[in-house]
C-alpha atoms as a PDB file:
ATOM      1  CA  UNK A   1     -15.699 -11.278 -22.639  1.00  0.00           C
ATOM      2  CA  UNK A   2     -13.799 -14.890 -21.931  1.00  0.00           C
ATOM      3  CA  UNK A   3     -15.104 -17.603 -20.619  1.00  0.00           C
ATOM      4  CA  UNK A   4     -13.166 -19.338 -18.122  1.00  0.00           C
ATOM      5  CA  UNK A   5     -13.015 -22.831 -20.543  1.00  0.00           C
ATOM      6  CA  UNK A   6     -11.627 -19.998 -23.269  1.00  0.00           C
ATOM      7  CA  UNK A   7      -9.382 -18.602 -21.580  1.00  0.00           C
ATOM      8  CA  UNK A   8      -7.657 -21.884 -19.643  1.00  0.00           C
ATOM      9  CA  UNK A   9      -6.449 -22.853 -23.256  1.00  0.00           C
ATOM     10  CA  UNK A  10      -3.895 -20.066 -22.732  1.00  0.00           C
ATOM     11  CA  UNK A  11      -2.094 -22.203 -20.426  1.00  0.00           C
ATOM     12  CA  UNK A  12      -0.106 -25.387 -20.368  1.00  0.00           C
ATOM     13  CA  UNK A  13       0.718 -26.549 -17.017  1.00  0.00           C
ATOM     14  CA  UNK A  14       2.244 -30.411 -17.627  1.00  0.00           C
ATOM     15  CA  UNK A  15       0.764 -31.799 -14.821  1.00  0.00           C
ATOM     16  CA  UNK A  16      -2.223 -30.363 -12.034  1.00  0.00           C
ATOM     17  CA  UNK A  17      -0.720 -27.445 -10.140  1.00  0.00           C
ATOM     18  CA  UNK A  18      -1.783 -26.622  -6.809  1.00  0.00           C
ATOM     19  CA  UNK A  19       1.081 -23.900  -5.726  1.00  0.00           C
ATOM     20  CA  UNK A  20      -0.886 -20.121  -7.045  1.00  0.00           C
ATOM     21  CA  UNK A  21      -0.523 -18.929  -3.654  1.00  0.00           C
ATOM     22  CA  UNK A  22       3.245 -19.537  -4.347  1.00  0.00           C
ATOM     23  CA  UNK A  23       3.805 -18.510  -7.602  1.00  0.00           C
ATOM     24  CA  UNK A  24       1.031 -18.293 -10.467  1.00  0.00           C
ATOM     25  CA  UNK A  25       1.630 -19.609 -13.783  1.00  0.00           C
ATOM     26  CA  UNK A  26       1.928 -17.368 -17.238  1.00  0.00           C
ATOM     27  CA  UNK A  27      -0.773 -17.303 -19.896  1.00  0.00           C
ATOM     28  CA  UNK A  28       0.638 -17.554 -23.232  1.00  0.00           C
ATOM     29  CA  UNK A  29       0.299 -13.765 -24.443  1.00  0.00           C
ATOM     30  CA  UNK A  30       2.272 -12.833 -20.701  1.00  0.00           C
ATOM     31  CA  UNK A  31       5.376 -15.955 -22.288  1.00  0.00           C
ATOM     32  CA  UNK A  32       4.970 -14.736 -25.724  1.00  0.00           C
ATOM     33  CA  UNK A  33       5.682 -10.951 -24.698  1.00  0.00           C
ATOM     34  CA  UNK A  34       8.366 -11.615 -22.968  1.00  0.00           C
ATOM     35  CA  UNK A  35      10.007 -14.046 -24.585  1.00  0.00           C
ATOM     36  CA  UNK A  36      10.329 -11.637 -27.373  1.00  0.00           C
ATOM     37  CA  UNK A  37      11.939  -8.799 -25.429  1.00  0.00           C
ATOM     38  CA  UNK A  38      14.673 -11.154 -24.598  1.00  0.00           C
ATOM     39  CA  UNK A  39      15.124 -12.094 -27.688  1.00  0.00           C
ATOM     40  CA  UNK A  40      15.296  -8.570 -28.788  1.00  0.00           C
ATOM     41  CA  UNK A  41      17.557  -7.770 -25.958  1.00  0.00           C
ATOM     42  CA  UNK A  42      20.006 -10.445 -26.840  1.00  0.00           C
ATOM     43  CA  UNK A  43      20.280  -9.624 -30.487  1.00  0.00           C
ATOM     44  CA  UNK A  44      19.980  -6.052 -29.703  1.00  0.00           C
ATOM     45  CA  UNK A  45      16.825  -5.366 -32.288  1.00  0.00           C
ATOM     46  CA  UNK A  46      15.572  -2.799 -30.517  1.00  0.00           C
ATOM     47  CA  UNK A  47      15.817   0.094 -28.013  1.00  0.00           C
ATOM     48  CA  UNK A  48      14.018  -0.389 -24.738  1.00  0.00           C
ATOM     49  CA  UNK A  49      11.750   2.862 -24.387  1.00  0.00           C
ATOM     50  CA  UNK A  50       8.730   0.836 -25.658  1.00  0.00           C
ATOM     51  CA  UNK A  51       9.362  -1.726 -22.743  1.00  0.00           C
ATOM     52  CA  UNK A  52       8.254   1.653 -20.408  1.00  0.00           C
ATOM     53  CA  UNK A  53       5.148   1.694 -22.220  1.00  0.00           C
ATOM     54  CA  UNK A  54       3.896  -1.984 -20.489  1.00  0.00           C
ATOM     55  CA  UNK A  55       4.194  -0.844 -17.286  1.00  0.00           C
ATOM     56  CA  UNK A  56       1.698   2.089 -17.339  1.00  0.00           C
ATOM     57  CA  UNK A  57      -0.880  -0.336 -18.926  1.00  0.00           C
ATOM     58  CA  UNK A  58      -0.212  -2.636 -16.329  1.00  0.00           C
ATOM     59  CA  UNK A  59      -1.396   0.324 -14.064  1.00  0.00           C
ATOM     60  CA  UNK A  60      -4.585   0.906 -16.032  1.00  0.00           C
ATOM     61  CA  UNK A  61      -5.123  -2.594 -15.902  1.00  0.00           C
ATOM     62  CA  UNK A  62      -4.396  -3.342 -12.473  1.00  0.00           C
ATOM     63  CA  UNK A  63      -6.761   0.242 -11.113  1.00  0.00           C
ATOM     64  CA  UNK A  64      -9.654  -2.163 -13.398  1.00  0.00           C
ATOM     65  CA  UNK A  65      -8.704  -5.480 -11.002  1.00  0.00           C
ATOM     66  CA  UNK A  66      -9.415  -3.159  -7.821  1.00  0.00           C
ATOM     67  CA  UNK A  67     -11.716  -0.694  -9.045  1.00  0.00           C
ATOM     68  CA  UNK A  68      -9.227   2.415  -8.750  1.00  0.00           C
ATOM     69  CA  UNK A  69      -8.108   4.993 -11.541  1.00  0.00           C
ATOM     70  CA  UNK A  70      -4.769   4.447 -13.031  1.00  0.00           C
ATOM     71  CA  UNK A  71      -3.850   7.931 -11.696  1.00  0.00           C
ATOM     72  CA  UNK A  72      -4.334   6.506  -8.387  1.00  0.00           C
ATOM     73  CA  UNK A  73      -1.492   3.307  -8.767  1.00  0.00           C
ATOM     74  CA  UNK A  74       2.000   3.651  -8.367  1.00  0.00           C
ATOM     75  CA  UNK A  75       4.651   1.049  -9.309  1.00  0.00           C
ATOM     76  CA  UNK A  76       7.187  -1.112  -7.724  1.00  0.00           C
ATOM     77  CA  UNK A  77       9.213  -4.017  -7.754  1.00  0.00           C
ATOM     78  CA  UNK A  78       7.988  -5.871  -4.230  1.00  0.00           C
ATOM     79  CA  UNK A  79       5.136  -6.037  -2.185  1.00  0.00           C
ATOM     80  CA  UNK A  80       7.710  -4.837   1.273  1.00  0.00           C
ATOM     81  CA  UNK A  81       9.446  -1.735  -0.962  1.00  0.00           C
ATOM     82  CA  UNK A  82       5.231  -0.250  -0.850  1.00  0.00           C
ATOM     83  CA  UNK A  83       4.605  -0.703   2.122  1.00  0.00           C
ATOM     84  CA  UNK A  84       7.526   0.620   3.297  1.00  0.00           C
ATOM     85  CA  UNK A  85       7.133   4.248   1.525  1.00  0.00           C
ATOM     86  CA  UNK A  86       3.877   3.875   4.105  1.00  0.00           C
ATOM     87  CA  UNK A  87       5.173   3.123   6.772  1.00  0.00           C
ATOM     88  CA  UNK A  88       7.980   5.747   6.051  1.00  0.00           C
ATOM     89  CA  UNK A  89       4.706   8.511   6.353  1.00  0.00           C
ATOM     90  CA  UNK A  90       3.525   7.949   8.898  1.00  0.00           C
ATOM     91  CA  UNK A  91       3.722  10.332  11.930  1.00  0.00           C
ATOM     92  CA  UNK A  92       6.029   9.459  14.775  1.00  0.00           C
ATOM     93  CA  UNK A  93       3.848   7.641  17.432  1.00  0.00           C
ATOM     94  CA  UNK A  94       1.399   6.470  15.476  1.00  0.00           C
ATOM     95  CA  UNK A  95      -0.978   3.383  16.758  1.00  0.00           C
ATOM     96  CA  UNK A  96      -0.342   0.513  13.760  1.00  0.00           C
ATOM     97  CA  UNK A  97      -2.623  -2.547  14.189  1.00  0.00           C
ATOM     98  CA  UNK A  98      -1.677  -6.014  12.307  1.00  0.00           C
ATOM     99  CA  UNK A  99      -3.271  -9.128  13.075  1.00  0.00           C
ATOM    100  CA  UNK A 100      -1.198 -11.311  14.912  1.00  0.00           C
ATOM    101  CA  UNK A 101      -0.026 -13.630  12.294  1.00  0.00           C
ATOM    102  CA  UNK A 102       0.641 -12.228   8.977  1.00  0.00           C
ATOM    103  CA  UNK A 103       3.351 -12.323   6.417  1.00  0.00           C
ATOM    104  CA  UNK A 104       6.743 -10.146   7.134  1.00  0.00           C
ATOM    105  CA  UNK A 105       6.500  -7.934   4.257  1.00  0.00           C
ATOM    106  CA  UNK A 106       3.776  -6.927   5.236  1.00  0.00           C
ATOM    107  CA  UNK A 107       4.401  -6.218   8.772  1.00  0.00           C
ATOM    108  CA  UNK A 108       7.853  -5.625   9.126  1.00  0.00           C
ATOM    109  CA  UNK A 109       8.030  -2.636   7.402  1.00  0.00           C
ATOM    110  CA  UNK A 110       6.123  -1.418  10.395  1.00  0.00           C
ATOM    111  CA  UNK A 111       8.126  -3.574  13.188  1.00  0.00           C
ATOM    112  CA  UNK A 112      11.386  -1.536  12.006  1.00  0.00           C
ATOM    113  CA  UNK A 113       9.963   1.659  13.030  1.00  0.00           C
ATOM    114  CA  UNK A 114       8.734   0.583  16.471  1.00  0.00           C
ATOM    115  CA  UNK A 115      11.384   3.261  17.799  1.00  0.00           C
ATOM    116  CA  UNK A 116       8.630   6.144  16.854  1.00  0.00           C
ATOM    117  CA  UNK A 117       5.322   4.444  15.801  1.00  0.00           C
ATOM    118  CA  UNK A 118       3.412   1.604  18.026  1.00  0.00           C
ATOM    119  CA  UNK A 119       2.544  -1.773  17.103  1.00  0.00           C
ATOM    120  CA  UNK A 120       0.262  -4.025  18.536  1.00  0.00           C
ATOM    121  CA  UNK A 121      -1.707  -7.337  17.328  1.00  0.00           C
ATOM    122  CA  UNK A 122      -5.212  -8.866  17.488  1.00  0.00           C
ATOM    123  CA  UNK A 123      -6.266 -11.947  15.914  1.00  0.00           C
ATOM    124  CA  UNK A 124      -7.700 -11.563  12.257  1.00  0.00           C
ATOM    125  CA  UNK A 125     -11.463 -12.622  12.809  1.00  0.00           C
ATOM    126  CA  UNK A 126     -11.094 -10.210  15.912  1.00  0.00           C
ATOM    127  CA  UNK A 127      -9.365  -7.031  13.584  1.00  0.00           C
ATOM    128  CA  UNK A 128     -12.136  -5.135  13.291  1.00  0.00           C
ATOM    129  CA  UNK A 129     -13.493  -5.133  16.914  1.00  0.00           C
ATOM    130  CA  UNK A 130      -9.950  -4.168  17.909  1.00  0.00           C
ATOM    131  CA  UNK A 131     -10.193  -0.914  15.668  1.00  0.00           C
ATOM    132  CA  UNK A 132     -10.619   2.204  18.582  1.00  0.00           C
ATOM    133  CA  UNK A 133     -10.375   5.819  18.556  1.00  0.00           C
ATOM    134  CA  UNK A 134      -7.029   5.763  19.635  1.00  0.00           C
ATOM    135  CA  UNK A 135      -5.367   3.480  16.407  1.00  0.00           C
ATOM    136  CA  UNK A 136      -4.135   5.692  13.174  1.00  0.00           C
ATOM    137  CA  UNK A 137      -3.224   2.810  10.634  1.00  0.00           C
ATOM    138  CA  UNK A 138      -4.506  -1.012  10.535  1.00  0.00           C
ATOM    139  CA  UNK A 139      -2.871  -3.242   8.016  1.00  0.00           C
ATOM    140  CA  UNK A 140      -3.829  -6.714   7.159  1.00  0.00           C
ATOM    141  CA  UNK A 141      -3.972  -9.052   4.009  1.00  0.00           C
ATOM    142  CA  UNK A 142      -7.362  -9.276   2.142  1.00  0.00           C
ATOM    143  CA  UNK A 143      -5.853 -13.031   2.474  1.00  0.00           C
ATOM    144  CA  UNK A 144      -3.964 -14.632   3.911  1.00  0.00           C
ATOM    145  CA  UNK A 145      -0.637 -16.590   2.919  1.00  0.00           C
ATOM    146  CA  UNK A 146      -0.619 -19.322   5.710  1.00  0.00           C
ATOM    147  CA  UNK A 147      -3.660 -20.562   5.694  1.00  0.00           C
ATOM    148  CA  UNK A 148      -6.275 -18.663   3.327  1.00  0.00           C
ATOM    149  CA  UNK A 149      -8.373 -17.439   6.025  1.00  0.00           C
ATOM    150  CA  UNK A 150     -10.568 -14.430   3.902  1.00  0.00           C
ATOM    151  CA  UNK A 151     -10.285 -10.623   6.370  1.00  0.00           C
ATOM    152  CA  UNK A 152     -13.613  -9.483   7.093  1.00  0.00           C
ATOM    153  CA  UNK A 153     -13.103  -6.389   4.790  1.00  0.00           C
ATOM    154  CA  UNK A 154     -16.758  -4.534   5.004  1.00  0.00           C
ATOM    155  CA  UNK A 155     -16.414  -5.162   8.909  1.00  0.00           C
ATOM    156  CA  UNK A 156     -13.418  -3.593   8.972  1.00  0.00           C
ATOM    157  CA  UNK A 157     -13.456  -1.166   6.042  1.00  0.00           C
ATOM    158  CA  UNK A 158     -16.658   0.753   8.459  1.00  0.00           C
ATOM    159  CA  UNK A 159     -14.535   0.292  11.431  1.00  0.00           C
ATOM    160  CA  UNK A 160     -11.812   2.048  10.390  1.00  0.00           C
ATOM    161  CA  UNK A 161     -14.272   4.723   8.395  1.00  0.00           C
ATOM    162  CA  UNK A 162     -15.816   5.142  11.859  1.00  0.00           C
ATOM    163  CA  UNK A 163     -12.647   6.071  13.586  1.00  0.00           C
ATOM    164  CA  UNK A 164     -10.616   7.315  10.579  1.00  0.00           C
ATOM    165  CA  UNK A 165      -8.555   5.270  10.800  1.00  0.00           C
ATOM    166  CA  UNK A 166      -5.968   4.986   7.975  1.00  0.00           C
ATOM    167  CA  UNK A 167      -6.473   1.456   6.266  1.00  0.00           C
ATOM    168  CA  UNK A 168      -3.252  -0.597   4.083  1.00  0.00           C
ATOM    169  CA  UNK A 169      -4.430  -3.935   2.722  1.00  0.00           C
ATOM    170  CA  UNK A 170      -1.941  -6.203   0.854  1.00  0.00           C
ATOM    171  CA  UNK A 171      -4.041  -8.140  -1.767  1.00  0.00           C
ATOM    172  CA  UNK A 172      -1.014 -10.406  -2.970  1.00  0.00           C
ATOM    173  CA  UNK A 173      -2.841 -13.194  -2.075  1.00  0.00           C
ATOM    174  CA  UNK A 174      -6.471 -12.354  -3.193  1.00  0.00           C
ATOM    175  CA  UNK A 175      -6.086  -9.889  -6.447  1.00  0.00           C
ATOM    176  CA  UNK A 176      -7.885 -11.519  -9.325  1.00  0.00           C
ATOM    177  CA  UNK A 177      -9.908 -14.121  -7.330  1.00  0.00           C
ATOM    178  CA  UNK A 178     -11.574 -12.328  -4.562  1.00  0.00           C
ATOM    179  CA  UNK A 179     -13.803  -8.752  -5.731  1.00  0.00           C
ATOM    180  CA  UNK A 180     -11.549  -6.119  -3.839  1.00  0.00           C
ATOM    181  CA  UNK A 181     -12.757  -2.699  -3.740  1.00  0.00           C
ATOM    182  CA  UNK A 182     -10.105  -0.702  -3.708  1.00  0.00           C
ATOM    183  CA  UNK A 183     -11.556   2.652  -3.186  1.00  0.00           C
ATOM    184  CA  UNK A 184     -12.666   1.770   0.343  1.00  0.00           C
ATOM    185  CA  UNK A 185      -9.086   1.950   1.647  1.00  0.00           C
ATOM    186  CA  UNK A 186      -6.297   4.374   2.235  1.00  0.00           C
ATOM    187  CA  UNK A 187      -3.440   1.828   0.337  1.00  0.00           C
ATOM    188  CA  UNK A 188      -3.799  -1.520  -1.841  1.00  0.00           C
ATOM    189  CA  UNK A 189      -0.302  -3.260  -1.960  1.00  0.00           C
ATOM    190  CA  UNK A 190       0.060  -6.348  -4.453  1.00  0.00           C
ATOM    191  CA  UNK A 191       2.184  -8.014  -5.443  1.00  0.00           C
ATOM    192  CA  UNK A 192       1.809  -9.584  -9.112  1.00  0.00           C
ATOM    193  CA  UNK A 193       3.669 -12.806  -9.549  1.00  0.00           C
ATOM    194  CA  UNK A 194       1.426 -15.009  -7.628  1.00  0.00           C
ATOM    195  CA  UNK A 195      -2.431 -15.071  -8.831  1.00  0.00           C
ATOM    196  CA  UNK A 196      -1.484 -12.174 -11.017  1.00  0.00           C
ATOM    197  CA  UNK A 197       0.478 -14.893 -13.082  1.00  0.00           C
ATOM    198  CA  UNK A 198       3.088 -12.081 -14.109  1.00  0.00           C
ATOM    199  CA  UNK A 199       6.988 -12.544 -13.641  1.00  0.00           C
ATOM    200  CA  UNK A 200       8.440 -11.964 -10.400  1.00  0.00           C
ATOM    201  CA  UNK A 201       9.534  -8.002 -10.161  1.00  0.00           C
ATOM    202  CA  UNK A 202       6.026  -5.848 -10.527  1.00  0.00           C
ATOM    203  CA  UNK A 203       3.832  -4.303  -7.912  1.00  0.00           C
ATOM    204  CA  UNK A 204       0.999  -1.816  -6.874  1.00  0.00           C
ATOM    205  CA  UNK A 205       0.108   0.144  -4.608  1.00  0.00           C
ATOM    206  CA  UNK A 206      -3.153   1.966  -4.949  1.00  0.00           C
ATOM    207  CA  UNK A 207      -3.994   5.274  -2.934  1.00  0.00           C
ATOM    208  CA  UNK A 208      -6.816   6.933  -1.657  1.00  0.00           C
ATOM    209  CA  UNK A 209      -5.907  11.318  -1.762  1.00  0.00           C
ATOM    210  CA  UNK A 210      -4.537  11.191   2.262  1.00  0.00           C
ATOM    211  CA  UNK A 211      -2.615   7.910   1.657  1.00  0.00           C
ATOM    212  CA  UNK A 212      -0.582  10.081  -1.336  1.00  0.00           C
ATOM    213  CA  UNK A 213      -0.390  13.448   0.689  1.00  0.00           C
ATOM    214  CA  UNK A 214       1.498  11.689   3.107  1.00  0.00           C
ATOM    215  CA  UNK A 215       4.197   8.736   1.549  1.00  0.00           C
ATOM    216  CA  UNK A 216       6.845  10.547   0.792  1.00  0.00           C
ATOM    217  CA  UNK A 217       8.679   9.710  -2.729  1.00  0.00           C
ATOM    218  CA  UNK A 218      11.922   8.521  -0.776  1.00  0.00           C
ATOM    219  CA  UNK A 219      13.331   6.441  -3.989  1.00  0.00           C
ATOM    220  CA  UNK A 220      12.604   9.274  -6.732  1.00  0.00           C
ATOM    221  CA  UNK A 221      13.535   9.052  -9.869  1.00  0.00           C
ATOM    222  CA  UNK A 222      12.959   9.671 -13.452  1.00  0.00           C
ATOM    223  CA  UNK A 223      10.226   7.083 -14.264  1.00  0.00           C
ATOM    224  CA  UNK A 224       8.706   9.060 -11.046  1.00  0.00           C
ATOM    225  CA  UNK A 225       9.227  12.224 -12.427  1.00  0.00           C
ATOM    226  CA  UNK A 226       7.123  14.505 -14.033  1.00  0.00           C
ATOM    227  CA  UNK A 227       8.762  14.502 -17.544  1.00  0.00           C
ATOM    228  CA  UNK A 228      10.163  11.369 -17.598  1.00  0.00           C
ATOM    229  CA  UNK A 229      12.200  11.478 -20.566  1.00  0.00           C
ATOM    230  CA  UNK A 230      13.414  15.332 -19.810  1.00  0.00           C
ATOM    231  CA  UNK A 231      14.727  14.402 -16.434  1.00  0.00           C
ATOM    232  CA  UNK A 232      17.280  12.544 -16.432  1.00  0.00           C
ATOM    233  CA  UNK A 233      20.113  15.171 -15.256  1.00  0.00           C
ATOM    234  CA  UNK A 234      17.658  17.880 -13.278  1.00  0.00           C
ATOM    235  CA  UNK A 235      18.506  18.981  -9.927  1.00  0.00           C
ATOM    236  CA  UNK A 236      14.959  20.646  -9.972  1.00  0.00           C
ATOM    237  CA  UNK A 237      13.209  17.467  -8.705  1.00  0.00           C
ATOM    238  CA  UNK A 238       9.287  17.992 -10.509  1.00  0.00           C
ATOM    239  CA  UNK A 239       7.550  14.320  -9.848  1.00  0.00           C
ATOM    240  CA  UNK A 240       4.211  13.544 -11.480  1.00  0.00           C
ATOM    241  CA  UNK A 241       1.489  15.183  -9.319  1.00  0.00           C
ATOM    242  CA  UNK A 242      -0.481  11.420  -9.267  1.00  0.00           C
ATOM    243  CA  UNK A 243       0.517   7.941  -7.702  1.00  0.00           C
ATOM    244  CA  UNK A 244       3.208   7.954 -10.426  1.00  0.00           C
ATOM    245  CA  UNK A 245       5.563   9.852  -8.172  1.00  0.00           C
ATOM    246  CA  UNK A 246       6.170   7.171  -6.165  1.00  0.00           C
ATOM    247  CA  UNK A 247       7.189   4.275  -9.321  1.00  0.00           C
ATOM    248  CA  UNK A 248      10.576   2.787  -8.602  1.00  0.00           C
ATOM    249  CA  UNK A 249      12.148   2.902 -12.266  1.00  0.00           C
ATOM    250  CA  UNK A 250      10.788  -0.469 -13.950  1.00  0.00           C
ATOM    251  CA  UNK A 251      12.451  -3.869 -14.474  1.00  0.00           C
ATOM    252  CA  UNK A 252      11.330  -3.604 -18.198  1.00  0.00           C
ATOM    253  CA  UNK A 253      10.869  -7.465 -19.014  1.00  0.00           C
ATOM    254  CA  UNK A 254       9.269  -8.450 -16.071  1.00  0.00           C
ATOM    255  CA  UNK A 255       6.747  -5.440 -17.252  1.00  0.00           C
ATOM    256  CA  UNK A 256       6.518  -6.736 -20.808  1.00  0.00           C
ATOM    257  CA  UNK A 257       5.226 -10.240 -19.146  1.00  0.00           C
ATOM    258  CA  UNK A 258       2.639  -8.402 -16.882  1.00  0.00           C
ATOM    259  CA  UNK A 259       0.303  -6.590 -19.255  1.00  0.00           C
ATOM    260  CA  UNK A 260      -0.768  -9.415 -20.970  1.00  0.00           C
ATOM    261  CA  UNK A 261      -1.622 -11.330 -17.637  1.00  0.00           C
ATOM    262  CA  UNK A 262      -3.767  -8.976 -16.094  1.00  0.00           C
ATOM    263  CA  UNK A 263      -5.209  -8.140 -19.468  1.00  0.00           C
ATOM    264  CA  UNK A 264      -6.335 -11.534 -19.523  1.00  0.00           C
ATOM    265  CA  UNK A 265      -7.546 -11.637 -15.843  1.00  0.00           C
ATOM    266  CA  UNK A 266      -9.583  -8.300 -17.058  1.00  0.00           C
ATOM    267  CA  UNK A 267     -11.024 -10.197 -20.253  1.00  0.00           C
ATOM    268  CA  UNK A 268     -12.279 -13.177 -17.626  1.00  0.00           C
ATOM    269  CA  UNK A 269     -13.614 -10.450 -15.129  1.00  0.00           C
ATOM    270  CA  UNK A 270     -12.890 -11.278 -11.056  1.00  0.00           C
ATOM    271  CA  UNK A 271     -16.637 -12.741 -10.151  1.00  0.00           C
ATOM    272  CA  UNK A 272     -16.009 -15.366 -12.625  1.00  0.00           C
ATOM    273  CA  UNK A 273     -12.799 -16.325 -11.763  1.00  0.00           C
ATOM    274  CA  UNK A 274     -14.048 -16.181  -8.303  1.00  0.00           C
ATOM    275  CA  UNK A 275     -16.531 -18.177  -8.835  1.00  0.00           C
ATOM    276  CA  UNK A 276     -14.221 -20.790 -10.535  1.00  0.00           C
ATOM    277  CA  UNK A 277     -11.622 -20.913  -7.997  1.00  0.00           C
ATOM    278  CA  UNK A 278     -13.618 -21.030  -5.133  1.00  0.00           C
ATOM    279  CA  UNK A 279     -15.962 -23.888  -6.666  1.00  0.00           C
ATOM    280  CA  UNK A 280     -13.035 -26.174  -7.307  1.00  0.00           C
ATOM    281  CA  UNK A 281     -11.739 -25.328  -3.593  1.00  0.00           C
ATOM    282  CA  UNK A 282     -14.531 -26.624  -1.807  1.00  0.00           C
ATOM    283  CA  UNK A 283     -14.862 -29.190  -3.977  1.00  0.00           C
ATOM    284  CA  UNK A 284     -11.335 -30.142  -2.788  1.00  0.00           C
ATOM    285  CA  UNK A 285     -12.295 -29.433   0.584  1.00  0.00           C
ATOM    286  CA  UNK A 286     -15.938 -31.816   0.113  1.00  0.00           C
ATOM    287  CA  UNK A 287     -13.813 -34.378  -1.168  1.00  0.00           C
ATOM    288  CA  UNK A 288     -11.279 -34.000   2.660  1.00  0.00           C
ATOM    289  CA  UNK A 289     -14.158 -33.740   4.764  1.00  0.00           C
ATOM    290  CA  UNK A 290     -13.778 -30.282   4.902  1.00  0.00           C
ATOM    291  CA  UNK A 291     -17.473 -27.692   5.289  1.00  0.00           C
ATOM    292  CA  UNK A 292     -17.407 -25.449   2.927  1.00  0.00           C
ATOM    293  CA  UNK A 293     -15.367 -21.713   2.873  1.00  0.00           C
ATOM    294  CA  UNK A 294     -15.083 -18.892   0.950  1.00  0.00           C
ATOM    295  CA  UNK A 295     -11.644 -18.801  -0.181  1.00  0.00           C
ATOM    296  CA  UNK A 296      -8.991 -20.493  -3.165  1.00  0.00           C
ATOM    297  CA  UNK A 297      -6.512 -21.683  -0.765  1.00  0.00           C
ATOM    298  CA  UNK A 298      -7.500 -25.112   1.053  1.00  0.00           C
ATOM    299  CA  UNK A 299      -5.517 -25.275   4.559  1.00  0.00           C
ATOM    300  CA  UNK A 300      -5.048 -29.183   5.699  1.00  0.00           C
ATOM    301  CA  UNK A 301      -3.653 -31.348   8.379  1.00  0.00           C
ATOM    302  CA  UNK A 302      -2.576 -34.353   5.774  1.00  0.00           C
ATOM    303  CA  UNK A 303       0.257 -36.499   7.726  1.00  0.00           C
ATOM    304  CA  UNK A 304       2.545 -36.509   4.836  1.00  0.00           C
ATOM    305  CA  UNK A 305       0.221 -34.796   2.064  1.00  0.00           C
ATOM    306  CA  UNK A 306       3.366 -32.836   0.459  1.00  0.00           C
ATOM    307  CA  UNK A 307       4.814 -36.297  -0.501  1.00  0.00           C
ATOM    308  CA  UNK A 308       1.777 -37.671  -1.643  1.00  0.00           C
ATOM    309  CA  UNK A 309       0.966 -35.365  -4.121  1.00  0.00           C
ATOM    310  CA  UNK A 310       4.866 -35.085  -5.236  1.00  0.00           C
ATOM    311  CA  UNK A 311       4.334 -39.059  -5.581  1.00  0.00           C
ATOM    312  CA  UNK A 312       1.653 -38.092  -8.026  1.00  0.00           C
ATOM    313  CA  UNK A 313       3.595 -35.160 -10.095  1.00  0.00           C
ATOM    314  CA  UNK A 314       0.966 -32.561  -7.953  1.00  0.00           C
ATOM    315  CA  UNK A 315       2.420 -29.491  -6.803  1.00  0.00           C
ATOM    316  CA  UNK A 316       1.581 -27.574  -3.467  1.00  0.00           C
ATOM    317  CA  UNK A 317       3.319 -26.269  -0.769  1.00  0.00           C
ATOM    318  CA  UNK A 318       3.264 -26.721   3.190  1.00  0.00           C
ATOM    319  CA  UNK A 319       3.006 -23.681   5.260  1.00  0.00           C
ATOM    320  CA  UNK A 320       3.087 -23.570   9.002  1.00  0.00           C
ATOM    321  CA  UNK A 321       3.399 -27.456   8.943  1.00  0.00           C
ATOM    322  CA  UNK A 322      -0.287 -27.869   6.657  1.00  0.00           C
ATOM    323  CA  UNK A 323      -0.912 -28.534   3.411  1.00  0.00           C
ATOM    324  CA  UNK A 324      -1.670 -25.534   1.180  1.00  0.00           C
ATOM    325  CA  UNK A 325      -3.832 -26.168  -1.659  1.00  0.00           C
ATOM    326  CA  UNK A 326      -4.000 -23.329  -4.160  1.00  0.00           C
ATOM    327  CA  UNK A 327      -6.755 -22.980  -7.645  1.00  0.00           C
ATOM    328  CA  UNK A 328      -6.698 -20.844  -9.914  1.00  0.00           C
ATOM    329  CA  UNK A 329      -8.170 -20.013 -14.017  1.00  0.00           C
ATOM    330  CA  UNK A 330      -6.295 -23.017 -15.634  1.00  0.00           C
ATOM    331  CA  UNK A 331      -7.037 -25.768 -12.818  1.00  0.00           C
ATOM    332  CA  UNK A 332      -9.949 -28.027 -13.691  1.00  0.00           C
ATOM    333  CA  UNK A 333     -12.092 -30.731 -11.874  1.00  0.00           C
ATOM    334  CA  UNK A 334      -9.708 -33.288 -12.617  1.00  0.00           C
ATOM    335  CA  UNK A 335      -6.879 -31.844 -10.729  1.00  0.00           C
ATOM    336  CA  UNK A 336      -8.865 -31.714  -8.097  1.00  0.00           C
ATOM    337  CA  UNK A 337     -10.046 -35.494  -8.498  1.00  0.00           C
ATOM    338  CA  UNK A 338      -6.296 -35.788  -8.901  1.00  0.00           C
ATOM    339  CA  UNK A 339      -5.153 -34.313  -5.589  1.00  0.00           C
ATOM    340  CA  UNK A 340      -8.069 -36.527  -4.128  1.00  0.00           C
ATOM    341  CA  UNK A 341      -6.831 -39.849  -5.304  1.00  0.00           C
ATOM    342  CA  UNK A 342      -3.331 -38.820  -4.332  1.00  0.00           C
ATOM    343  CA  UNK A 343      -3.823 -38.179  -1.015  1.00  0.00           C
ATOM    344  CA  UNK A 344      -6.652 -40.105   0.105  1.00  0.00           C
ATOM    345  CA  UNK A 345      -6.471 -43.390  -2.104  1.00  0.00           C
END
């Protein structure tokens, strides 16, 4: 296991970076692995087959982060693609519940199918109460992209279980810093380029048995075959029996960088990362006169905040007109204090 202080040596940000909710920074092993693969590609020093191994090792590591066996994890290139697979498997006439405000990569795959399914919404804080016997599916982000609000995972899981509701969780803003028990939900989808600090182009989908049973392999391909390297030209479709049947053919270099990034996170542990990230976020909140929160993301309305941070060389984001600052393993108390100084002095 790695401590936060030991792990932090694997990052080299030039200045305080408070924008992981947009994209995470790679640890040195991930960047080096990607750089080596690109060099090998450039100079024609290798074949490609071994790059696929990084995809399978990444699925195992993601499974560890969310408490799901590797055989229940499918891989793809983006969150919307994976959620689209789930949406395409929902029966005609189903009622789908989503939060009133959520990221479109989660909601649009359902909304574009409104000719055959019903999609209704409720405020995030009331989502568990809105689940009833008529709710076939509930889809929501574990942590909201715009302001960092943390969903009531326990309450939603309990309400869904009581009514037999199929659950879809977007963990893109949560995985690695927020403890998420993926075994409690039917589907946990996650883009890896944010809090998993991986190259853009890798994503995961952890599935329950019923999720796998009802999700069609609409992008069936050689990589999803039972015998990958023996299925290039067959018209006898023999897909893997586990979640691999939903795999998308991998973008090799993105997966080469994803595996080492996830290994670092597993070596630190989600509980340690949670304490560190939320602790820094609450230090920032206290400096702004805000009450403590439970998120690694802080959203606040401060006029000109992005410009003030920019003048100090600090990168954050603005979402919905509010400053969004996000804190991860490479951040320190000095980063927080530098941001507060830029904003308040």
